[in-house]
Amino acid sequence: MDNEEFFKVLKLVADLGVDDARGTSKLAILHGAIANDLQNRLDAEIPDTFFVYAKGRTKSKKDRINKEQKVVGRYYAKDVDITVRRGPEPDADVVAGFELKFPMSSFNKNSNNQFENLLGNVANLRSGSATPLYFLILIMPTHVPVYKTGTGGLAGRVINSIEYIGKTQLHKYGILSSDDAEIMYHTPTAQLFYNLDFPEIEYTSGVTTNAEYAKLFKNGKLTLHNPADVAEFKDGAVVNDYERFIERVKHAILAKAL
C-alpha cells in the first residue's frame, strides 16, 4: 500500500466516520488495511515468521488473525489495535503493537486526558514482560464538528459548532516525538502523524443536522495539511508519509528476528 492508496483508505474511513463519529466499524477498515500491508511486507522478507493480528484483516491461511489481541503489560492486559507475534500460536511472543487514533468529532475538551491515557498504555505495554515495540498512528483532522447534546439519533443530531484542533492540543505530540524511546518507556517506538484538512462546511448552529453535514462533507475535498504551524515534529515521528513510516516499522520488527 503506497501513500495514494493509504489516503484513499483514510477518505473511505472519514466518509463512514462522519455518518457515525463514535462508531468503531470504520476503524476496522483502517486497522485491517495497515495490518494486511504490514503482513505482506514482512512475508516478502521472511515468510511465515511474523503474524499480524487486527480487526478487519483479510482472511488467509493464517488462523485467528481477524481480531484484536490481548497483550499482557506490566500492570494490566490490554486489547491492542494491531499486534505482531512471532508465530501463529496464541501465546507466541509479542513483537510489536500499534495504537491508532482518528477523532471525527469533539476532541479538544478531552485532548489532555486522551494524551495521558496514551502515555499510560505505551508505558504499560513497553515495560511489560513482552517488551514489544509500540507504534502510534494519529490521524488528526484540522477541524471536527461538535454536536449539540441531547439531540436525536445519528442522522438527526444537530451541529453546535466546528472545533479547530491546533497548537494547544497538538504540540505535546511534537514534544513526544523528541523523547528517547530507548530510555523513556512512555514513548512510542515511532509515530505516524497524518494531518487531514477536512472540507469547510457551511452550517447553522443548532439547525444543521448530521445527515446534512455528512452529505456536504462527502462531496467536499479532503486534503493533506502541513502541521508545522501547530507542532514541531522530531525524529520520533513521520509526518504525512505512510510509506516511510511502515518501512521504518518493518525494519524495526525484522531486527527482532536477528
C-alpha atoms as a PDB file:
ATOM      1  CA  MET A   1       0.000   0.000   0.000  1.00  0.00           C
ATOM      2  CA  ASP A   2       1.542   3.276  -1.097  1.00  0.00           C
ATOM      3  CA  ASN A   3       0.705   6.800   0.063  1.00  0.00           C
ATOM      4  CA  GLU A   4      -2.013   7.277  -2.543  1.00  0.00           C
ATOM      5  CA  GLU A   5      -3.729   4.017  -1.594  1.00  0.00           C
ATOM      6  CA  PHE A   6      -3.445   4.846   2.105  1.00  0.00           C
ATOM      7  CA  PHE A   7      -5.061   8.234   1.502  1.00  0.00           C
ATOM      8  CA  LYS A   8      -7.976   6.506  -0.271  1.00  0.00           C
ATOM      9  CA  VAL A   9      -8.473   4.339   2.815  1.00  0.00           C
ATOM     10  CA  LEU A  10      -8.476   7.453   5.015  1.00  0.00           C
ATOM     11  CA  LYS A  11     -11.080   9.072   2.747  1.00  0.00           C
ATOM     12  CA  LEU A  12     -13.300   5.989   2.995  1.00  0.00           C
ATOM     13  CA  VAL A  13     -12.939   5.871   6.784  1.00  0.00           C
ATOM     14  CA  ALA A  14     -13.667   9.605   7.066  1.00  0.00           C
ATOM     15  CA  ASP A  15     -16.804   9.278   4.945  1.00  0.00           C
ATOM     16  CA  LEU A  16     -18.031   6.450   7.190  1.00  0.00           C
ATOM     17  CA  GLY A  17     -16.971   8.300  10.316  1.00  0.00           C
ATOM     18  CA  VAL A  18     -18.933  11.425   9.503  1.00  0.00           C
ATOM     19  CA  ASP A  19     -22.086   9.272   9.498  1.00  0.00           C
ATOM     20  CA  ASP A  20     -21.234   7.823  12.913  1.00  0.00           C
ATOM     21  CA  ALA A  21     -18.347   9.635  14.595  1.00  0.00           C
ATOM     22  CA  ARG A  22     -18.272   7.286  17.580  1.00  0.00           C
ATOM     23  CA  GLY A  23     -18.731   4.034  15.684  1.00  0.00           C
ATOM     24  CA  THR A  24     -15.901   1.517  15.655  1.00  0.00           C
ATOM     25  CA  SER A  25     -16.635  -0.355  12.411  1.00  0.00           C
ATOM     26  CA  LYS A  26     -14.879   2.325  10.350  1.00  0.00           C
ATOM     27  CA  LEU A  27     -11.660   1.776  12.300  1.00  0.00           C
ATOM     28  CA  ALA A  28     -11.645  -1.933  11.438  1.00  0.00           C
ATOM     29  CA  ILE A  29     -11.190  -0.915   7.801  1.00  0.00           C
ATOM     30  CA  LEU A  30      -8.160   1.205   8.664  1.00  0.00           C
ATOM     31  CA  HIS A  31      -6.692  -1.354  11.070  1.00  0.00           C
ATOM     32  CA  GLY A  32      -7.178  -4.156   8.555  1.00  0.00           C
ATOM     33  CA  ALA A  33      -5.631  -2.250   5.651  1.00  0.00           C
ATOM     34  CA  ILE A  34      -2.493  -1.443   7.642  1.00  0.00           C
ATOM     35  CA  ALA A  35      -2.234  -4.966   9.071  1.00  0.00           C
ATOM     36  CA  ASN A  36      -2.607  -6.586   5.640  1.00  0.00           C
ATOM     37  CA  ASP A  37       0.053  -4.309   4.188  1.00  0.00           C
ATOM     38  CA  LEU A  38       2.469  -4.938   7.049  1.00  0.00           C
ATOM     39  CA  GLN A  39       1.938  -8.704   6.770  1.00  0.00           C
ATOM     40  CA  ASN A  40       2.776  -8.589   3.058  1.00  0.00           C
ATOM     41  CA  ARG A  41       5.913  -6.536   3.658  1.00  0.00           C
ATOM     42  CA  LEU A  42       7.142  -8.856   6.411  1.00  0.00           C
ATOM     43  CA  ASP A  43       6.389 -12.013   4.403  1.00  0.00           C
ATOM     44  CA  ALA A  44       8.320 -10.598   1.454  1.00  0.00           C
ATOM     45  CA  GLU A  45      11.411 -10.511   3.689  1.00  0.00           C
ATOM     46  CA  ILE A  46      10.964 -13.556   5.973  1.00  0.00           C
ATOM     47  CA  PRO A  47       7.902 -15.655   5.036  1.00  0.00           C
ATOM     48  CA  ASP A  48       5.679 -17.167   7.731  1.00  0.00           C
ATOM     49  CA  THR A  49       7.691 -15.812  10.646  1.00  0.00           C
ATOM     50  CA  PHE A  50       5.629 -12.889  11.903  1.00  0.00           C
ATOM     51  CA  PHE A  51       1.833 -12.888  12.184  1.00  0.00           C
ATOM     52  CA  VAL A  52      -0.138  -9.621  12.204  1.00  0.00           C
ATOM     53  CA  TYR A  53      -3.473  -9.520  14.056  1.00  0.00           C
ATOM     54  CA  ALA A  54      -6.191  -6.863  13.752  1.00  0.00           C
ATOM     55  CA  LYS A  55      -9.901  -6.448  13.197  1.00  0.00           C
ATOM     56  CA  GLY A  56     -10.618  -6.079   9.508  1.00  0.00           C
ATOM     57  CA  ARG A  57      -7.793  -8.336   8.329  1.00  0.00           C
ATOM     58  CA  THR A  58      -8.283 -10.238   5.109  1.00  0.00           C
ATOM     59  CA  LYS A  59      -8.901 -13.929   5.669  1.00  0.00           C
ATOM     60  CA  SER A  60      -5.917 -16.068   4.759  1.00  0.00           C
ATOM     61  CA  LYS A  61      -4.091 -19.236   5.713  1.00  0.00           C
ATOM     62  CA  LYS A  62      -3.080 -17.531   8.938  1.00  0.00           C
ATOM     63  CA  ASP A  63      -5.606 -18.535  11.585  1.00  0.00           C
ATOM     64  CA  ARG A  64      -7.213 -16.168  14.090  1.00  0.00           C
ATOM     65  CA  ILE A  65      -5.755 -13.047  12.515  1.00  0.00           C
ATOM     66  CA  ASN A  66      -9.045 -11.175  12.155  1.00  0.00           C
ATOM     67  CA  LYS A  67      -9.291  -9.934  15.737  1.00  0.00           C
ATOM     68  CA  GLU A  68      -7.518  -7.827  18.305  1.00  0.00           C
ATOM     69  CA  GLN A  69      -5.042  -9.499  20.620  1.00  0.00           C
ATOM     70  CA  LYS A  70      -4.897  -9.036  24.381  1.00  0.00           C
ATOM     71  CA  VAL A  71      -1.320  -8.187  25.297  1.00  0.00           C
ATOM     72  CA  VAL A  72      -0.044  -8.548  28.855  1.00  0.00           C
ATOM     73  CA  GLY A  73       1.575  -5.384  30.137  1.00  0.00           C
ATOM     74  CA  ARG A  74       3.415  -4.641  33.341  1.00  0.00           C
ATOM     75  CA  TYR A  75       0.274  -3.522  35.172  1.00  0.00           C
ATOM     76  CA  TYR A  76      -2.676  -4.809  33.140  1.00  0.00           C
ATOM     77  CA  ALA A  77      -3.559  -6.657  29.949  1.00  0.00           C
ATOM     78  CA  LYS A  78      -4.953  -4.630  27.083  1.00  0.00           C
ATOM     79  CA  ASP A  79      -6.605  -5.288  23.717  1.00  0.00           C
ATOM     80  CA  VAL A  80      -4.247  -3.818  21.131  1.00  0.00           C
ATOM     81  CA  ASP A  81      -5.412  -2.387  17.793  1.00  0.00           C
ATOM     82  CA  ILE A  82      -2.740  -4.189  15.738  1.00  0.00           C
ATOM     83  CA  THR A  83      -0.428  -6.843  17.173  1.00  0.00           C
ATOM     84  CA  VAL A  84       2.554  -8.610  15.644  1.00  0.00           C
ATOM     85  CA  ARG A  85       3.505 -12.014  17.072  1.00  0.00           C
ATOM     86  CA  ARG A  86       6.471 -14.222  16.277  1.00  0.00           C
ATOM     87  CA  GLY A  87       4.482 -17.276  15.221  1.00  0.00           C
ATOM     88  CA  PRO A  88       0.813 -18.295  14.840  1.00  0.00           C
ATOM     89  CA  GLU A  89       0.320 -19.714  18.334  1.00  0.00           C
ATOM     90  CA  PRO A  90      -1.954 -17.715  20.699  1.00  0.00           C
ATOM     91  CA  ASP A  91       0.893 -17.439  23.207  1.00  0.00           C
ATOM     92  CA  ALA A  92       3.630 -16.654  20.664  1.00  0.00           C
ATOM     93  CA  ASP A  93       5.911 -13.805  21.660  1.00  0.00           C
ATOM     94  CA  VAL A  94       4.568 -10.322  21.036  1.00  0.00           C
ATOM     95  CA  VAL A  95       6.991  -8.336  18.890  1.00  0.00           C
ATOM     96  CA  ALA A  96       5.038  -5.138  18.271  1.00  0.00           C
ATOM     97  CA  GLY A  97       1.776  -3.351  18.925  1.00  0.00           C
ATOM     98  CA  PHE A  98       0.021  -0.359  17.391  1.00  0.00           C
ATOM     99  CA  GLU A  99      -2.393   2.196  18.787  1.00  0.00           C
ATOM    100  CA  LEU A 100      -4.467   4.185  16.285  1.00  0.00           C
ATOM    101  CA  LYS A 101      -6.423   7.388  16.849  1.00  0.00           C
ATOM    102  CA  PHE A 102      -8.765   9.093  14.362  1.00  0.00           C
ATOM    103  CA  PRO A 103     -11.127  11.563  16.067  1.00  0.00           C
ATOM    104  CA  MET A 104     -14.146  12.588  13.999  1.00  0.00           C
ATOM    105  CA  SER A 105     -15.960  14.797  16.497  1.00  0.00           C
ATOM    106  CA  SER A 106     -15.268  16.924  19.581  1.00  0.00           C
ATOM    107  CA  PHE A 107     -11.637  16.391  20.585  1.00  0.00           C
ATOM    108  CA  ASN A 108     -10.252  19.474  22.317  1.00  0.00           C
ATOM    109  CA  LYS A 109     -12.077  19.176  25.637  1.00  0.00           C
ATOM    110  CA  ASN A 110     -10.560  15.783  26.460  1.00  0.00           C
ATOM    111  CA  SER A 111      -7.302  16.037  24.499  1.00  0.00           C
ATOM    112  CA  ASN A 112      -5.108  16.082  27.614  1.00  0.00           C
ATOM    113  CA  ASN A 113      -6.903  13.073  29.119  1.00  0.00           C
ATOM    114  CA  GLN A 114      -6.505  11.148  25.882  1.00  0.00           C
ATOM    115  CA  PHE A 115      -2.817  12.001  25.756  1.00  0.00           C
ATOM    116  CA  GLU A 116      -2.330  10.864  29.363  1.00  0.00           C
ATOM    117  CA  ASN A 117      -4.124   7.590  28.563  1.00  0.00           C
ATOM    118  CA  LEU A 118      -1.865   7.097  25.565  1.00  0.00           C
ATOM    119  CA  LEU A 119       1.295   7.568  27.635  1.00  0.00           C
ATOM    120  CA  GLY A 120      -0.040   5.098  30.203  1.00  0.00           C
ATOM    121  CA  ASN A 121      -0.823   2.492  27.550  1.00  0.00           C
ATOM    122  CA  VAL A 122       2.605   2.814  25.964  1.00  0.00           C
ATOM    123  CA  ALA A 123       4.447   2.629  29.300  1.00  0.00           C
ATOM    124  CA  ASN A 124       2.379  -0.354  30.471  1.00  0.00           C
ATOM    125  CA  LEU A 125       2.963  -2.415  27.340  1.00  0.00           C
ATOM    126  CA  ARG A 126       6.574  -1.451  26.623  1.00  0.00           C
ATOM    127  CA  SER A 127       7.647  -2.150  30.205  1.00  0.00           C
ATOM    128  CA  GLY A 128       5.735  -5.438  30.433  1.00  0.00           C
ATOM    129  CA  SER A 129       7.236  -8.880  30.199  1.00  0.00           C
ATOM    130  CA  ALA A 130       6.723  -8.950  26.433  1.00  0.00           C
ATOM    131  CA  THR A 131       8.505  -5.574  25.982  1.00  0.00           C
ATOM    132  CA  PRO A 132       7.121  -5.093  22.466  1.00  0.00           C
ATOM    133  CA  LEU A 133       7.853  -2.347  20.036  1.00  0.00           C
ATOM    134  CA  TYR A 134       4.919   0.015  20.205  1.00  0.00           C
ATOM    135  CA  PHE A 135       3.824   2.387  17.445  1.00  0.00           C
ATOM    136  CA  LEU A 136       1.343   5.246  17.385  1.00  0.00           C
ATOM    137  CA  ILE A 137      -0.702   6.209  14.329  1.00  0.00           C
ATOM    138  CA  LEU A 138      -2.523   9.503  14.794  1.00  0.00           C
ATOM    139  CA  ILE A 139      -4.875  10.670  12.052  1.00  0.00           C
ATOM    140  CA  MET A 140      -5.748  14.203  13.092  1.00  0.00           C
ATOM    141  CA  PRO A 141      -8.240  16.448  11.277  1.00  0.00           C
ATOM    142  CA  THR A 142      -7.744  20.199  11.202  1.00  0.00           C
ATOM    143  CA  HIS A 143     -11.318  20.627  12.472  1.00  0.00           C
ATOM    144  CA  VAL A 144     -14.286  18.494  13.527  1.00  0.00           C
ATOM    145  CA  PRO A 145     -17.965  19.059  14.314  1.00  0.00           C
ATOM    146  CA  VAL A 146     -19.235  19.411  17.857  1.00  0.00           C
ATOM    147  CA  TYR A 147     -22.741  18.053  18.274  1.00  0.00           C
ATOM    148  CA  LYS A 148     -25.423  19.538  20.441  1.00  0.00           C
ATOM    149  CA  THR A 149     -26.075  17.208  23.385  1.00  0.00           C
ATOM    150  CA  GLY A 150     -29.430  15.578  23.785  1.00  0.00           C
ATOM    151  CA  THR A 151     -30.428  15.726  20.119  1.00  0.00           C
ATOM    152  CA  GLY A 152     -31.897  12.897  18.010  1.00  0.00           C
ATOM    153  CA  GLY A 153     -30.330   9.784  16.546  1.00  0.00           C
ATOM    154  CA  LEU A 154     -27.163   9.739  14.495  1.00  0.00           C
ATOM    155  CA  ALA A 155     -28.621  11.363  11.385  1.00  0.00           C
ATOM    156  CA  GLY A 156     -30.790  13.813  13.326  1.00  0.00           C
ATOM    157  CA  ARG A 157     -28.128  15.208  15.641  1.00  0.00           C
ATOM    158  CA  VAL A 158     -27.537  18.893  15.084  1.00  0.00           C
ATOM    159  CA  ILE A 159     -24.198  20.669  14.777  1.00  0.00           C
ATOM    160  CA  ASN A 160     -23.489  23.026  17.651  1.00  0.00           C
ATOM    161  CA  SER A 161     -20.139  24.321  16.366  1.00  0.00           C
ATOM    162  CA  ILE A 162     -16.983  23.491  14.421  1.00  0.00           C
ATOM    163  CA  GLU A 163     -13.940  22.887  16.591  1.00  0.00           C
ATOM    164  CA  TYR A 164     -10.447  23.669  15.262  1.00  0.00           C
ATOM    165  CA  ILE A 165      -7.649  21.421  16.516  1.00  0.00           C
ATOM    166  CA  GLY A 166      -4.491  23.448  16.878  1.00  0.00           C
ATOM    167  CA  LYS A 167      -1.266  24.056  18.747  1.00  0.00           C
ATOM    168  CA  THR A 168      -2.778  23.786  22.234  1.00  0.00           C
ATOM    169  CA  GLN A 169      -3.888  20.227  21.512  1.00  0.00           C
ATOM    170  CA  LEU A 170      -1.054  19.005  19.272  1.00  0.00           C
ATOM    171  CA  HIS A 171       2.240  20.499  20.430  1.00  0.00           C
ATOM    172  CA  LYS A 172       2.518  17.743  23.053  1.00  0.00           C
ATOM    173  CA  TYR A 173       2.780  15.141  20.268  1.00  0.00           C
ATOM    174  CA  GLY A 174       5.680  17.103  18.821  1.00  0.00           C
ATOM    175  CA  ILE A 175       7.428  17.012  22.211  1.00  0.00           C
ATOM    176  CA  LEU A 176       6.740  13.265  22.421  1.00  0.00           C
ATOM    177  CA  SER A 177       8.497  12.769  19.085  1.00  0.00           C
ATOM    178  CA  SER A 178      11.692  14.231  20.593  1.00  0.00           C
ATOM    179  CA  ASP A 179      11.756  11.823  23.561  1.00  0.00           C
ATOM    180  CA  ASP A 180      14.191   8.895  23.506  1.00  0.00           C
ATOM    181  CA  ALA A 181      12.149   5.700  23.233  1.00  0.00           C
ATOM    182  CA  GLU A 182      15.157   3.618  24.284  1.00  0.00           C
ATOM    183  CA  ILE A 183      15.129   5.006  27.812  1.00  0.00           C
ATOM    184  CA  MET A 184      11.655   6.545  28.172  1.00  0.00           C
ATOM    185  CA  TYR A 185       9.108   3.750  28.121  1.00  0.00           C
ATOM    186  CA  HIS A 186       6.136   6.092  27.813  1.00  0.00           C
ATOM    187  CA  THR A 187       7.401   6.999  24.327  1.00  0.00           C
ATOM    188  CA  PRO A 188       6.211   5.117  21.220  1.00  0.00           C
ATOM    189  CA  THR A 189       8.947   3.465  19.183  1.00  0.00           C
ATOM    190  CA  ALA A 190       7.781   5.697  16.348  1.00  0.00           C
ATOM    191  CA  GLN A 191       4.645   7.640  15.491  1.00  0.00           C
ATOM    192  CA  LEU A 192       2.886   8.437  12.242  1.00  0.00           C
ATOM    193  CA  PHE A 193       1.122  11.797  12.268  1.00  0.00           C
ATOM    194  CA  TYR A 194      -1.326  12.428   9.410  1.00  0.00           C
ATOM    195  CA  ASN A 195      -2.907  15.866   9.387  1.00  0.00           C
ATOM    196  CA  LEU A 196      -6.094  15.930   7.300  1.00  0.00           C
ATOM    197  CA  ASP A 197      -7.691  19.166   6.148  1.00  0.00           C
ATOM    198  CA  PHE A 198     -11.402  18.407   6.303  1.00  0.00           C
ATOM    199  CA  PRO A 199     -13.772  20.253   3.941  1.00  0.00           C
ATOM    200  CA  GLU A 200     -15.075  23.585   5.248  1.00  0.00           C
ATOM    201  CA  ILE A 201     -18.811  23.066   5.668  1.00  0.00           C
ATOM    202  CA  GLU A 202     -21.296  25.900   5.995  1.00  0.00           C
ATOM    203  CA  TYR A 203     -23.687  25.162   8.850  1.00  0.00           C
ATOM    204  CA  THR A 204     -26.237  26.829  11.079  1.00  0.00           C
ATOM    205  CA  SER A 205     -25.641  26.208  14.776  1.00  0.00           C
ATOM    206  CA  GLY A 206     -28.436  24.189  16.324  1.00  0.00           C
ATOM    207  CA  VAL A 207     -30.119  23.673  12.944  1.00  0.00           C
ATOM    208  CA  THR A 208     -27.823  21.781  10.534  1.00  0.00           C
ATOM    209  CA  THR A 209     -28.254  18.040  11.096  1.00  0.00           C
ATOM    210  CA  ASN A 210     -25.552  15.424  10.951  1.00  0.00           C
ATOM    211  CA  ALA A 211     -27.146  13.932   7.827  1.00  0.00           C
ATOM    212  CA  GLU A 212     -26.925  17.318   6.074  1.00  0.00           C
ATOM    213  CA  TYR A 213     -23.362  17.838   7.254  1.00  0.00           C
ATOM    214  CA  ALA A 214     -22.343  14.308   6.140  1.00  0.00           C
ATOM    215  CA  LYS A 215     -23.707  14.843   2.623  1.00  0.00           C
ATOM    216  CA  LEU A 216     -21.758  18.092   2.200  1.00  0.00           C
ATOM    217  CA  PHE A 217     -18.651  16.502   3.727  1.00  0.00           C
ATOM    218  CA  LYS A 218     -18.649  13.581   1.294  1.00  0.00           C
ATOM    219  CA  ASN A 219     -18.964  15.951  -1.652  1.00  0.00           C
ATOM    220  CA  GLY A 220     -16.117  18.091  -0.338  1.00  0.00           C
ATOM    221  CA  LYS A 221     -12.389  17.686  -0.872  1.00  0.00           C
ATOM    222  CA  LEU A 222     -10.148  16.001   1.677  1.00  0.00           C
ATOM    223  CA  THR A 223      -6.511  17.128   1.524  1.00  0.00           C
ATOM    224  CA  LEU A 224      -3.288  16.820   3.489  1.00  0.00           C
ATOM    225  CA  HIS A 225      -2.283  19.686   5.748  1.00  0.00           C
ATOM    226  CA  ASN A 226       1.244  20.583   6.835  1.00  0.00           C
ATOM    227  CA  PRO A 227       1.120  20.647  10.663  1.00  0.00           C
ATOM    228  CA  ALA A 228       4.304  22.714  11.029  1.00  0.00           C
ATOM    229  CA  ASP A 229       2.245  25.658  12.313  1.00  0.00           C
ATOM    230  CA  VAL A 230       0.868  23.661  15.257  1.00  0.00           C
ATOM    231  CA  ALA A 231       3.655  21.237  16.233  1.00  0.00           C
ATOM    232  CA  GLU A 232       7.367  20.729  15.595  1.00  0.00           C
ATOM    233  CA  PHE A 233       7.957  17.046  14.996  1.00  0.00           C
ATOM    234  CA  LYS A 234      11.353  15.423  15.566  1.00  0.00           C
ATOM    235  CA  ASP A 235      12.922  12.119  14.527  1.00  0.00           C
ATOM    236  CA  GLY A 236      10.436  10.063  16.537  1.00  0.00           C
ATOM    237  CA  ALA A 237       7.615  10.962  14.148  1.00  0.00           C
ATOM    238  CA  VAL A 238       6.912  10.600  10.453  1.00  0.00           C
ATOM    239  CA  VAL A 239       4.540  13.264   9.121  1.00  0.00           C
ATOM    240  CA  ASN A 240       2.101  12.661   6.246  1.00  0.00           C
ATOM    241  CA  ASP A 241       4.140   9.804   4.769  1.00  0.00           C
ATOM    242  CA  TYR A 242       2.683   6.329   5.352  1.00  0.00           C
ATOM    243  CA  GLU A 243       5.218   4.514   3.164  1.00  0.00           C
ATOM    244  CA  ARG A 244       8.218   5.861   5.044  1.00  0.00           C
ATOM    245  CA  PHE A 245       6.596   5.032   8.374  1.00  0.00           C
ATOM    246  CA  ILE A 246       5.593   1.465   7.537  1.00  0.00           C
ATOM    247  CA  GLU A 247       9.075   0.738   6.151  1.00  0.00           C
ATOM    248  CA  ARG A 248      10.518   2.013   9.416  1.00  0.00           C
ATOM    249  CA  VAL A 249       8.153  -0.287  11.281  1.00  0.00           C
ATOM    250  CA  LYS A 250       9.085  -3.245   9.078  1.00  0.00           C
ATOM    251  CA  HIS A 251      12.805  -2.841   9.682  1.00  0.00           C
ATOM    252  CA  ALA A 252      12.314  -2.452  13.449  1.00  0.00           C
ATOM    253  CA  ILE A 253      10.358  -5.718  13.516  1.00  0.00           C
ATOM    254  CA  LEU A 254      12.812  -7.577  11.276  1.00  0.00           C
ATOM    255  CA  ALA A 255      15.613  -6.573  13.614  1.00  0.00           C
ATOM    256  CA  LYS A 256      13.859  -8.720  16.223  1.00  0.00           C
ATOM    257  CA  ALA A 257      14.447 -11.757  14.017  1.00  0.00           C
ATOM    258  CA  LEU A 258      18.213 -11.379  14.077  1.00  0.00           C
END
